[in-house]
Amino acid sequence: MTVDEVILKLSRAFNRVFPDFQGIYLFGACVDGKLHEDEDIELAAIFDTEDKSKRELIWPVVGKIETEMDVCIDLYPYTPESFKKDEEIYQTVMDEGIFYNKKGEKNG
């Protein structure tokens, strides 16, 4: 199993539940596409809107995929605006991250 497979499954699930899902950025230790023991898959998911009710729906989706695929996902849900305001993560993602569109396909 690869990080790409995890992101594809997560993207498909988000598309079913959230019509405003835009895509996911992968960053951190797994940016090389490999799963690393004792490292979470770090993701920033982008939605048109993001609030408490959406987070309550996101976590069961993430938890189900973590269980099914035996991985740990560290997911940060954002709107495009809130993503840019989180300067530390935004800069890390812009420096090293990989964007996957809403279909779970790598861009670039």
PDB file of N, CA and C in Angstrom:
ATOM      1  N   MET A   1       0.835  -1.180   0.000  1.00  0.00           N
ATOM      2  CA  MET A   1       0.000   0.000   0.000  1.00  0.00           C
ATOM      3  C   MET A   1       0.883   1.247   0.000  1.00  0.00           C
ATOM      4  N   THR A   2       0.408   2.279  -0.717  1.00  0.00           N
ATOM      5  CA  THR A   2       1.173   3.514  -0.817  1.00  0.00           C
ATOM      6  C   THR A   2       0.368   4.694  -0.264  1.00  0.00           C
ATOM      7  N   VAL A   3       1.052   5.797  -0.064  1.00  0.00           N
ATOM      8  CA  VAL A   3       0.399   7.033   0.363  1.00  0.00           C
ATOM      9  C   VAL A   3      -0.620   7.458  -0.691  1.00  0.00           C
ATOM     10  N   ASP A   4      -0.287   7.288  -1.970  1.00  0.00           N
ATOM     11  CA  ASP A   4      -1.218   7.644  -3.048  1.00  0.00           C
ATOM     12  C   ASP A   4      -2.544   6.886  -2.907  1.00  0.00           C
ATOM     13  N   GLU A   5      -2.484   5.630  -2.532  1.00  0.00           N
ATOM     14  CA  GLU A   5      -3.705   4.832  -2.367  1.00  0.00           C
ATOM     15  C   GLU A   5      -4.551   5.358  -1.205  1.00  0.00           C
ATOM     16  N   VAL A   6      -3.898   5.751  -0.132  1.00  0.00           N
ATOM     17  CA  VAL A   6      -4.605   6.310   1.022  1.00  0.00           C
ATOM     18  C   VAL A   6      -5.296   7.613   0.613  1.00  0.00           C
ATOM     19  N   ILE A   7      -4.575   8.469  -0.094  1.00  0.00           N
ATOM     20  CA  ILE A   7      -5.134   9.761  -0.513  1.00  0.00           C
ATOM     21  C   ILE A   7      -6.282   9.554  -1.507  1.00  0.00           C
ATOM     22  N   LEU A   8      -6.143   8.595  -2.406  1.00  0.00           N
ATOM     23  CA  LEU A   8      -7.216   8.308  -3.365  1.00  0.00           C
ATOM     24  C   LEU A   8      -8.486   7.883  -2.629  1.00  0.00           C
ATOM     25  N   LYS A   9      -8.345   6.986  -1.674  1.00  0.00           N
ATOM     26  CA  LYS A   9      -9.507   6.513  -0.914  1.00  0.00           C
ATOM     27  C   LYS A   9     -10.130   7.654  -0.102  1.00  0.00           C
ATOM     28  N   LEU A  10      -9.302   8.466   0.518  1.00  0.00           N
ATOM     29  CA  LEU A  10      -9.791   9.600   1.295  1.00  0.00           C
ATOM     30  C   LEU A  10     -10.492  10.612   0.386  1.00  0.00           C
ATOM     31  N   SER A  11      -9.908  10.894  -0.762  1.00  0.00           N
ATOM     32  CA  SER A  11     -10.511  11.841  -1.708  1.00  0.00           C
ATOM     33  C   SER A  11     -11.872  11.351  -2.183  1.00  0.00           C
ATOM     34  N   ARG A  12     -11.972  10.083  -2.499  1.00  0.00           N
ATOM     35  CA  ARG A  12     -13.259   9.529  -2.939  1.00  0.00           C
ATOM     36  C   ARG A  12     -14.312   9.656  -1.838  1.00  0.00           C
ATOM     37  N   ALA A  13     -13.921   9.363  -0.603  1.00  0.00           N
ATOM     38  CA  ALA A  13     -14.854   9.470   0.523  1.00  0.00           C
ATOM     39  C   ALA A  13     -15.274  10.924   0.734  1.00  0.00           C
ATOM     40  N   PHE A  14     -14.320  11.849   0.695  1.00  0.00           N
ATOM     41  CA  PHE A  14     -14.653  13.262   0.875  1.00  0.00           C
ATOM     42  C   PHE A  14     -15.578  13.756  -0.238  1.00  0.00           C
ATOM     43  N   ASN A  15     -15.349  13.302  -1.473  1.00  0.00           N
ATOM     44  CA  ASN A  15     -16.213  13.705  -2.584  1.00  0.00           C
ATOM     45  C   ASN A  15     -17.651  13.242  -2.387  1.00  0.00           C
ATOM     46  N   ARG A  16     -17.829  12.059  -1.797  1.00  0.00           N
ATOM     47  CA  ARG A  16     -19.178  11.552  -1.548  1.00  0.00           C
ATOM     48  C   ARG A  16     -19.898  12.367  -0.479  1.00  0.00           C
ATOM     49  N   VAL A  17     -19.153  12.808   0.537  1.00  0.00           N
ATOM     50  CA  VAL A  17     -19.756  13.468   1.692  1.00  0.00           C
ATOM     51  C   VAL A  17     -19.788  14.993   1.553  1.00  0.00           C
ATOM     52  N   PHE A  18     -18.783  15.563   0.906  1.00  0.00           N
ATOM     53  CA  PHE A  18     -18.625  17.018   0.867  1.00  0.00           C
ATOM     54  C   PHE A  18     -18.552  17.532  -0.579  1.00  0.00           C
ATOM     55  N   PRO A  19     -19.622  18.140  -1.090  1.00  0.00           N
ATOM     56  CA  PRO A  19     -19.587  18.657  -2.459  1.00  0.00           C
ATOM     57  C   PRO A  19     -18.581  19.792  -2.650  1.00  0.00           C
ATOM     58  N   ASP A  20     -18.149  20.417  -1.548  1.00  0.00           N
ATOM     59  CA  ASP A  20     -17.217  21.542  -1.656  1.00  0.00           C
ATOM     60  C   ASP A  20     -15.754  21.138  -1.462  1.00  0.00           C
ATOM     61  N   PHE A  21     -15.460  19.849  -1.456  1.00  0.00           N
ATOM     62  CA  PHE A  21     -14.077  19.377  -1.310  1.00  0.00           C
ATOM     63  C   PHE A  21     -13.283  19.758  -2.559  1.00  0.00           C
ATOM     64  N   GLN A  22     -12.098  20.372  -2.357  1.00  0.00           N
ATOM     65  CA  GLN A  22     -11.277  20.845  -3.483  1.00  0.00           C
ATOM     66  C   GLN A  22     -10.039  19.995  -3.749  1.00  0.00           C
ATOM     67  N   GLY A  23      -9.496  19.391  -2.715  1.00  0.00           N
ATOM     68  CA  GLY A  23      -8.282  18.605  -2.899  1.00  0.00           C
ATOM     69  C   GLY A  23      -7.493  18.514  -1.605  1.00  0.00           C
ATOM     70  N   ILE A  24      -6.348  17.826  -1.700  1.00  0.00           N
ATOM     71  CA  ILE A  24      -5.524  17.546  -0.521  1.00  0.00           C
ATOM     72  C   ILE A  24      -4.059  17.826  -0.840  1.00  0.00           C
ATOM     73  N   TYR A  25      -3.384  18.433   0.116  1.00  0.00           N
ATOM     74  CA  TYR A  25      -1.928  18.574   0.051  1.00  0.00           C
ATOM     75  C   TYR A  25      -1.304  17.536   0.970  1.00  0.00           C
ATOM     76  N   LEU A  26      -0.313  16.830   0.458  1.00  0.00           N
ATOM     77  CA  LEU A  26       0.503  15.911   1.258  1.00  0.00           C
ATOM     78  C   LEU A  26       1.788  16.642   1.615  1.00  0.00           C
ATOM     79  N   PHE A  27       2.184  16.554   2.876  1.00  0.00           N
ATOM     80  CA  PHE A  27       3.460  17.143   3.297  1.00  0.00           C
ATOM     81  C   PHE A  27       4.036  16.297   4.424  1.00  0.00           C
ATOM     82  N   GLY A  28       5.229  16.633   4.860  1.00  0.00           N
ATOM     83  CA  GLY A  28       5.855  15.907   5.961  1.00  0.00           C
ATOM     84  C   GLY A  28       6.658  14.709   5.488  1.00  0.00           C
ATOM     85  N   ALA A  29       6.878  13.766   6.393  1.00  0.00           N
ATOM     86  CA  ALA A  29       7.781  12.636   6.151  1.00  0.00           C
ATOM     87  C   ALA A  29       7.337  11.746   4.993  1.00  0.00           C
ATOM     88  N   CYS A  30       6.034  11.670   4.736  1.00  0.00           N
ATOM     89  CA  CYS A  30       5.525  10.757   3.701  1.00  0.00           C
ATOM     90  C   CYS A  30       5.451  11.392   2.318  1.00  0.00           C
ATOM     91  N   VAL A  31       6.011  12.598   2.165  1.00  0.00           N
ATOM     92  CA  VAL A  31       5.968  13.287   0.875  1.00  0.00           C
ATOM     93  C   VAL A  31       6.723  12.501  -0.204  1.00  0.00           C
ATOM     94  N   ASP A  32       7.563  11.565   0.219  1.00  0.00           N
ATOM     95  CA  ASP A  32       8.267  10.706  -0.747  1.00  0.00           C
ATOM     96  C   ASP A  32       7.364   9.597  -1.283  1.00  0.00           C
ATOM     97  N   GLY A  33       6.108   9.563  -0.823  1.00  0.00           N
ATOM     98  CA  GLY A  33       5.151   8.579  -1.324  1.00  0.00           C
ATOM     99  C   GLY A  33       5.155   7.261  -0.589  1.00  0.00           C
ATOM    100  N   LYS A  34       6.042   7.135   0.385  1.00  0.00           N
ATOM    101  CA  LYS A  34       6.150   5.881   1.131  1.00  0.00           C
ATOM    102  C   LYS A  34       5.583   6.053   2.536  1.00  0.00           C
ATOM    103  N   LEU A  35       5.062   4.956   3.053  1.00  0.00           N
ATOM    104  CA  LEU A  35       4.608   4.946   4.445  1.00  0.00           C
ATOM    105  C   LEU A  35       5.817   4.696   5.333  1.00  0.00           C
ATOM    106  N   HIS A  36       5.949   5.470   6.376  1.00  0.00           N
ATOM    107  CA  HIS A  36       7.080   5.342   7.293  1.00  0.00           C
ATOM    108  C   HIS A  36       6.555   4.917   8.659  1.00  0.00           C
ATOM    109  N   GLU A  37       7.180   3.896   9.223  1.00  0.00           N
ATOM    110  CA  GLU A  37       6.787   3.443  10.547  1.00  0.00           C
ATOM    111  C   GLU A  37       6.926   4.597  11.538  1.00  0.00           C
ATOM    112  N   ASP A  38       5.958   4.726  12.412  1.00  0.00           N
ATOM    113  CA  ASP A  38       5.939   5.767  13.445  1.00  0.00           C
ATOM    114  C   ASP A  38       5.799   7.185  12.884  1.00  0.00           C
ATOM    115  N   GLU A  39       5.357   7.334  11.641  1.00  0.00           N
ATOM    116  CA  GLU A  39       5.104   8.656  11.067  1.00  0.00           C
ATOM    117  C   GLU A  39       3.670   8.707  10.554  1.00  0.00           C
ATOM    118  N   ASP A  40       2.957   9.770  10.891  1.00  0.00           N
ATOM    119  CA  ASP A  40       1.612   9.974  10.363  1.00  0.00           C
ATOM    120  C   ASP A  40       1.693  10.476   8.928  1.00  0.00           C
ATOM    121  N   ILE A  41       0.632  10.237   8.180  1.00  0.00           N
ATOM    122  CA  ILE A  41       0.486  10.843   6.859  1.00  0.00           C
ATOM    123  C   ILE A  41      -0.101  12.232   7.103  1.00  0.00           C
ATOM    124  N   GLU A  42       0.678  13.260   6.828  1.00  0.00           N
ATOM    125  CA  GLU A  42       0.246  14.634   7.107  1.00  0.00           C
ATOM    126  C   GLU A  42      -0.417  15.222   5.873  1.00  0.00           C
ATOM    127  N   LEU A  43      -1.678  15.667   6.065  1.00  0.00           N
ATOM    128  CA  LEU A  43      -2.486  16.163   4.959  1.00  0.00           C
ATOM    129  C   LEU A  43      -3.184  17.458   5.335  1.00  0.00           C
ATOM    130  N   ALA A  44      -3.294  18.343   4.370  1.00  0.00           N
ATOM    131  CA  ALA A  44      -4.126  19.538   4.488  1.00  0.00           C
ATOM    132  C   ALA A  44      -5.231  19.403   3.449  1.00  0.00           C
ATOM    133  N   ALA A  45      -6.465  19.260   3.917  1.00  0.00           N
ATOM    134  CA  ALA A  45      -7.612  19.117   3.019  1.00  0.00           C
ATOM    135  C   ALA A  45      -8.276  20.479   2.849  1.00  0.00           C
ATOM    136  N   ILE A  46      -8.615  20.815   1.601  1.00  0.00           N
ATOM    137  CA  ILE A  46      -9.176  22.129   1.301  1.00  0.00           C
ATOM    138  C   ILE A  46     -10.655  21.986   0.918  1.00  0.00           C
ATOM    139  N   PHE A  47     -11.480  22.784   1.589  1.00  0.00           N
ATOM    140  CA  PHE A  47     -12.922  22.814   1.370  1.00  0.00           C
ATOM    141  C   PHE A  47     -13.346  24.269   1.153  1.00  0.00           C
ATOM    142  N   ASP A  48     -14.455  24.488   0.469  1.00  0.00           N
ATOM    143  CA  ASP A  48     -14.968  25.849   0.303  1.00  0.00           C
ATOM    144  C   ASP A  48     -15.365  26.443   1.648  1.00  0.00           C
ATOM    145  N   THR A  49     -15.953  25.614   2.514  1.00  0.00           N
ATOM    146  CA  THR A  49     -16.318  26.058   3.857  1.00  0.00           C
ATOM    147  C   THR A  49     -15.759  25.059   4.863  1.00  0.00           C
ATOM    148  N   GLU A  50     -15.473  25.545   6.059  1.00  0.00           N
ATOM    149  CA  GLU A  50     -14.936  24.665   7.100  1.00  0.00           C
ATOM    150  C   GLU A  50     -15.424  25.203   8.433  1.00  0.00           C
ATOM    151  N   ASP A  51     -16.117  24.353   9.190  1.00  0.00           N
ATOM    152  CA  ASP A  51     -16.635  24.762  10.487  1.00  0.00           C
ATOM    153  C   ASP A  51     -16.776  23.535  11.383  1.00  0.00           C
ATOM    154  N   LYS A  52     -17.307  23.760  12.572  1.00  0.00           N
ATOM    155  CA  LYS A  52     -17.415  22.678  13.553  1.00  0.00           C
ATOM    156  C   LYS A  52     -18.255  21.522  13.031  1.00  0.00           C
ATOM    157  N   SER A  53     -19.351  21.805  12.372  1.00  0.00           N
ATOM    158  CA  SER A  53     -20.211  20.724  11.875  1.00  0.00           C
ATOM    159  C   SER A  53     -19.495  19.890  10.812  1.00  0.00           C
ATOM    160  N   LYS A  54     -18.696  20.536   9.992  1.00  0.00           N
ATOM    161  CA  LYS A  54     -17.944  19.788   8.975  1.00  0.00           C
ATOM    162  C   LYS A  54     -16.881  18.913   9.642  1.00  0.00           C
ATOM    163  N   ARG A  55     -16.188  19.458  10.639  1.00  0.00           N
ATOM    164  CA  ARG A  55     -15.167  18.668  11.339  1.00  0.00           C
ATOM    165  C   ARG A  55     -15.787  17.436  11.984  1.00  0.00           C
ATOM    166  N   GLU A  56     -17.007  17.579  12.502  1.00  0.00           N
ATOM    167  CA  GLU A  56     -17.684  16.425  13.109  1.00  0.00           C
ATOM    168  C   GLU A  56     -17.977  15.334  12.084  1.00  0.00           C
ATOM    169  N   LEU A  57     -18.115  15.703  10.820  1.00  0.00           N
ATOM    170  CA  LEU A  57     -18.324  14.726   9.750  1.00  0.00           C
ATOM    171  C   LEU A  57     -17.007  14.188   9.183  1.00  0.00           C
ATOM    172  N   ILE A  58     -15.967  15.012   9.229  1.00  0.00           N
ATOM    173  CA  ILE A  58     -14.664  14.616   8.664  1.00  0.00           C
ATOM    174  C   ILE A  58     -14.029  13.486   9.470  1.00  0.00           C
ATOM    175  N   TRP A  59     -14.024  13.616  10.796  1.00  0.00           N
ATOM    176  CA  TRP A  59     -13.246  12.675  11.612  1.00  0.00           C
ATOM    177  C   TRP A  59     -13.720  11.228  11.508  1.00  0.00           C
ATOM    178  N   PRO A  60     -15.021  10.941  11.428  1.00  0.00           N
ATOM    179  CA  PRO A  60     -15.411   9.538  11.220  1.00  0.00           C
ATOM    180  C   PRO A  60     -14.927   8.975   9.876  1.00  0.00           C
ATOM    181  N   VAL A  61     -14.914   9.821   8.847  1.00  0.00           N
ATOM    182  CA  VAL A  61     -14.413   9.387   7.533  1.00  0.00           C
ATOM    183  C   VAL A  61     -12.928   9.043   7.639  1.00  0.00           C
ATOM    184  N   VAL A  62     -12.166   9.938   8.255  1.00  0.00           N
ATOM    185  CA  VAL A  62     -10.722   9.709   8.426  1.00  0.00           C
ATOM    186  C   VAL A  62     -10.478   8.460   9.271  1.00  0.00           C
ATOM    187  N   GLY A  63     -11.203   8.328  10.379  1.00  0.00           N
ATOM    188  CA  GLY A  63     -11.024   7.175  11.270  1.00  0.00           C
ATOM    189  C   GLY A  63     -11.314   5.852  10.584  1.00  0.00           C
ATOM    190  N   LYS A  64     -12.339   5.829   9.748  1.00  0.00           N
ATOM    191  CA  LYS A  64     -12.683   4.599   9.024  1.00  0.00           C
ATOM    192  C   LYS A  64     -11.550   4.192   8.079  1.00  0.00           C
ATOM    193  N   ILE A  65     -10.992   5.163   7.368  1.00  0.00           N
ATOM    194  CA  ILE A  65      -9.900   4.860   6.435  1.00  0.00           C
ATOM    195  C   ILE A  65      -8.639   4.466   7.190  1.00  0.00           C
ATOM    196  N   GLU A  66      -8.366   5.122   8.314  1.00  0.00           N
ATOM    197  CA  GLU A  66      -7.208   4.732   9.136  1.00  0.00           C
ATOM    198  C   GLU A  66      -7.333   3.276   9.556  1.00  0.00           C
ATOM    199  N   THR A  67      -8.522   2.885   9.982  1.00  0.00           N
ATOM    200  CA  THR A  67      -8.748   1.502  10.436  1.00  0.00           C
ATOM    201  C   THR A  67      -8.642   0.514   9.273  1.00  0.00           C
ATOM    202  N   GLU A  68      -9.304   0.831   8.169  1.00  0.00           N
ATOM    203  CA  GLU A  68      -9.300  -0.069   7.005  1.00  0.00           C
ATOM    204  C   GLU A  68      -7.906  -0.261   6.430  1.00  0.00           C
ATOM    205  N   MET A  69      -7.118   0.815   6.403  1.00  0.00           N
ATOM    206  CA  MET A  69      -5.820   0.768   5.735  1.00  0.00           C
ATOM    207  C   MET A  69      -4.654   0.652   6.717  1.00  0.00           C
ATOM    208  N   ASP A  70      -4.954   0.620   8.019  1.00  0.00           N
ATOM    209  CA  ASP A  70      -3.941   0.492   9.064  1.00  0.00           C
ATOM    210  C   ASP A  70      -2.859   1.567   8.930  1.00  0.00           C
ATOM    211  N   VAL A  71      -3.316   2.832   8.904  1.00  0.00           N
ATOM    212  CA  VAL A  71      -2.413   3.981   8.824  1.00  0.00           C
ATOM    213  C   VAL A  71      -2.869   5.017   9.846  1.00  0.00           C
ATOM    214  N   CYS A  72      -2.002   5.986  10.105  1.00  0.00           N
ATOM    215  CA  CYS A  72      -2.361   7.126  10.948  1.00  0.00           C
ATOM    216  C   CYS A  72      -2.332   8.368  10.072  1.00  0.00           C
ATOM    217  N   ILE A  73      -3.452   9.093  10.053  1.00  0.00           N
ATOM    218  CA  ILE A  73      -3.578  10.294   9.236  1.00  0.00           C
ATOM    219  C   ILE A  73      -3.685  11.499  10.152  1.00  0.00           C
ATOM    220  N   ASP A  74      -2.845  12.481   9.895  1.00  0.00           N
ATOM    221  CA  ASP A  74      -2.888  13.754  10.604  1.00  0.00           C
ATOM    222  C   ASP A  74      -3.445  14.762   9.609  1.00  0.00           C
ATOM    223  N   LEU A  75      -4.759  15.033   9.707  1.00  0.00           N
ATOM    224  CA  LEU A  75      -5.437  15.846   8.705  1.00  0.00           C
ATOM    225  C   LEU A  75      -5.800  17.213   9.262  1.00  0.00           C
ATOM    226  N   TYR A  76      -5.503  18.240   8.478  1.00  0.00           N
ATOM    227  CA  TYR A  76      -5.844  19.620   8.812  1.00  0.00           C
ATOM    228  C   TYR A  76      -6.870  20.104   7.800  1.00  0.00           C
ATOM    229  N   PRO A  77      -8.132  20.308   8.199  1.00  0.00           N
ATOM    230  CA  PRO A  77      -9.123  20.834   7.260  1.00  0.00           C
ATOM    231  C   PRO A  77      -9.057  22.364   7.196  1.00  0.00           C
ATOM    232  N   TYR A  78      -9.096  22.898   5.987  1.00  0.00           N
ATOM    233  CA  TYR A  78      -9.001  24.346   5.778  1.00  0.00           C
ATOM    234  C   TYR A  78      -9.938  24.798   4.664  1.00  0.00           C
ATOM    235  N   THR A  79     -10.235  26.098   4.681  1.00  0.00           N
ATOM    236  CA  THR A  79     -10.697  26.786   3.482  1.00  0.00           C
ATOM    237  C   THR A  79      -9.431  27.352   2.842  1.00  0.00           C
ATOM    238  N   PRO A  80      -9.486  27.779   1.576  1.00  0.00           N
ATOM    239  CA  PRO A  80      -8.277  28.392   0.995  1.00  0.00           C
ATOM    240  C   PRO A  80      -7.776  29.580   1.829  1.00  0.00           C
ATOM    241  N   GLU A  81      -8.703  30.355   2.376  1.00  0.00           N
ATOM    242  CA  GLU A  81      -8.321  31.529   3.161  1.00  0.00           C
ATOM    243  C   GLU A  81      -7.674  31.137   4.492  1.00  0.00           C
ATOM    244  N   SER A  82      -8.296  30.198   5.211  1.00  0.00           N
ATOM    245  CA  SER A  82      -7.741  29.808   6.510  1.00  0.00           C
ATOM    246  C   SER A  82      -6.407  29.081   6.347  1.00  0.00           C
ATOM    247  N   PHE A  83      -6.236  28.380   5.223  1.00  0.00           N
ATOM    248  CA  PHE A  83      -4.982  27.698   4.940  1.00  0.00           C
ATOM    249  C   PHE A  83      -3.850  28.712   4.838  1.00  0.00           C
ATOM    250  N   LYS A  84      -4.058  29.773   4.092  1.00  0.00           N
ATOM    251  CA  LYS A  84      -3.012  30.795   3.923  1.00  0.00           C
ATOM    252  C   LYS A  84      -2.703  31.518   5.232  1.00  0.00           C
ATOM    253  N   LYS A  85      -3.699  31.613   6.111  1.00  0.00           N
ATOM    254  CA  LYS A  85      -3.495  32.292   7.392  1.00  0.00           C
ATOM    255  C   LYS A  85      -2.676  31.450   8.372  1.00  0.00           C
ATOM    256  N   ASP A  86      -2.667  30.125   8.200  1.00  0.00           N
ATOM    257  CA  ASP A  86      -1.864  29.252   9.070  1.00  0.00           C
ATOM    258  C   ASP A  86      -0.453  29.222   8.482  1.00  0.00           C
ATOM    259  N   GLU A  87       0.286  30.275   8.760  1.00  0.00           N
ATOM    260  CA  GLU A  87       1.538  30.535   8.054  1.00  0.00           C
ATOM    261  C   GLU A  87       2.551  29.401   8.127  1.00  0.00           C
ATOM    262  N   GLU A  88       2.682  28.779   9.288  1.00  0.00           N
ATOM    263  CA  GLU A  88       3.699  27.724   9.442  1.00  0.00           C
ATOM    264  C   GLU A  88       3.395  26.528   8.537  1.00  0.00           C
ATOM    265  N   ILE A  89       2.181  26.021   8.611  1.00  0.00           N
ATOM    266  CA  ILE A  89       1.823  24.863   7.779  1.00  0.00           C
ATOM    267  C   ILE A  89       1.774  25.265   6.313  1.00  0.00           C
ATOM    268  N   TYR A  90       1.197  26.419   6.012  1.00  0.00           N
ATOM    269  CA  TYR A  90       1.110  26.872   4.629  1.00  0.00           C
ATOM    270  C   TYR A  90       2.494  26.935   3.990  1.00  0.00           C
ATOM    271  N   GLN A  91       3.462  27.523   4.684  1.00  0.00           N
ATOM    272  CA  GLN A  91       4.806  27.649   4.114  1.00  0.00           C
ATOM    273  C   GLN A  91       5.460  26.279   3.928  1.00  0.00           C
ATOM    274  N   THR A  92       5.290  25.389   4.906  1.00  0.00           N
ATOM    275  CA  THR A  92       5.828  24.032   4.788  1.00  0.00           C
ATOM    276  C   THR A  92       5.235  23.331   3.573  1.00  0.00           C
ATOM    277  N   VAL A  93       3.919  23.434   3.415  1.00  0.00           N
ATOM    278  CA  VAL A  93       3.246  22.778   2.288  1.00  0.00           C
ATOM    279  C   VAL A  93       3.703  23.379   0.964  1.00  0.00           C
ATOM    280  N   MET A  94       3.820  24.697   0.895  1.00  0.00           N
ATOM    281  CA  MET A  94       4.256  25.334  -0.350  1.00  0.00           C
ATOM    282  C   MET A  94       5.699  24.968  -0.692  1.00  0.00           C
ATOM    283  N   ASP A  95       6.524  24.766   0.329  1.00  0.00           N
ATOM    284  CA  ASP A  95       7.922  24.416   0.099  1.00  0.00           C
ATOM    285  C   ASP A  95       8.094  22.965  -0.338  1.00  0.00           C
ATOM    286  N   GLU A  96       7.340  22.045   0.277  1.00  0.00           N
ATOM    287  CA  GLU A  96       7.629  20.626   0.059  1.00  0.00           C
ATOM    288  C   GLU A  96       6.420  19.787  -0.331  1.00  0.00           C
ATOM    289  N   GLY A  97       5.237  20.374  -0.269  1.00  0.00           N
ATOM    290  CA  GLY A  97       4.016  19.584  -0.430  1.00  0.00           C
ATOM    291  C   GLY A  97       3.693  19.197  -1.862  1.00  0.00           C
ATOM    292  N   ILE A  98       2.802  18.234  -1.968  1.00  0.00           N
ATOM    293  CA  ILE A  98       2.296  17.748  -3.257  1.00  0.00           C
ATOM    294  C   ILE A  98       0.778  17.885  -3.215  1.00  0.00           C
ATOM    295  N   PHE A  99       0.207  18.476  -4.274  1.00  0.00           N
ATOM    296  CA  PHE A  99      -1.243  18.654  -4.328  1.00  0.00           C
ATOM    297  C   PHE A  99      -1.891  17.506  -5.094  1.00  0.00           C
ATOM    298  N   TYR A 100      -2.990  16.990  -4.521  1.00  0.00           N
ATOM    299  CA  TYR A 100      -3.832  15.980  -5.160  1.00  0.00           C
ATOM    300  C   TYR A 100      -5.195  16.629  -5.386  1.00  0.00           C
ATOM    301  N   ASN A 101      -5.692  16.576  -6.617  1.00  0.00           N
ATOM    302  CA  ASN A 101      -6.982  17.209  -6.886  1.00  0.00           C
ATOM    303  C   ASN A 101      -8.121  16.448  -6.219  1.00  0.00           C
ATOM    304  N   LYS A 102      -9.338  16.921  -6.404  1.00  0.00           N
ATOM    305  CA  LYS A 102     -10.483  16.318  -5.707  1.00  0.00           C
ATOM    306  C   LYS A 102     -10.722  14.861  -6.098  1.00  0.00           C
ATOM    307  N   LYS A 103     -10.156  14.427  -7.221  1.00  0.00           N
ATOM    308  CA  LYS A 103     -10.273  13.024  -7.629  1.00  0.00           C
ATOM    309  C   LYS A 103      -9.164  12.172  -7.027  1.00  0.00           C
ATOM    310  N   GLY A 104      -8.235  12.802  -6.309  1.00  0.00           N
ATOM    311  CA  GLY A 104      -7.129  12.071  -5.705  1.00  0.00           C
ATOM    312  C   GLY A 104      -5.941  11.886  -6.631  1.00  0.00           C
ATOM    313  N   GLU A 105      -5.913  12.677  -7.710  1.00  0.00           N
ATOM    314  CA  GLU A 105      -4.815  12.579  -8.676  1.00  0.00           C
ATOM    315  C   GLU A 105      -3.770  13.638  -8.375  1.00  0.00           C
ATOM    316  N   LYS A 106      -2.506  13.248  -8.489  1.00  0.00           N
ATOM    317  CA  LYS A 106      -1.404  14.193  -8.274  1.00  0.00           C
ATOM    318  C   LYS A 106      -1.396  15.236  -9.364  1.00  0.00           C
ATOM    319  N   ASN A 107      -1.185  16.487  -8.963  1.00  0.00           N
ATOM    320  CA  ASN A 107      -1.017  17.554  -9.938  1.00  0.00           C
ATOM    321  C   ASN A 107       0.466  17.868 -10.053  1.00  0.00           C
ATOM    322  N   GLY A 108       0.901  17.984 -11.283  1.00  0.00           N
ATOM    323  CA  GLY A 108       2.293  18.364 -11.479  1.00  0.00           C
ATOM    324  C   GLY A 108       3.204  17.223 -11.717  1.00  0.00           C
TER     325      GLY A 108
END
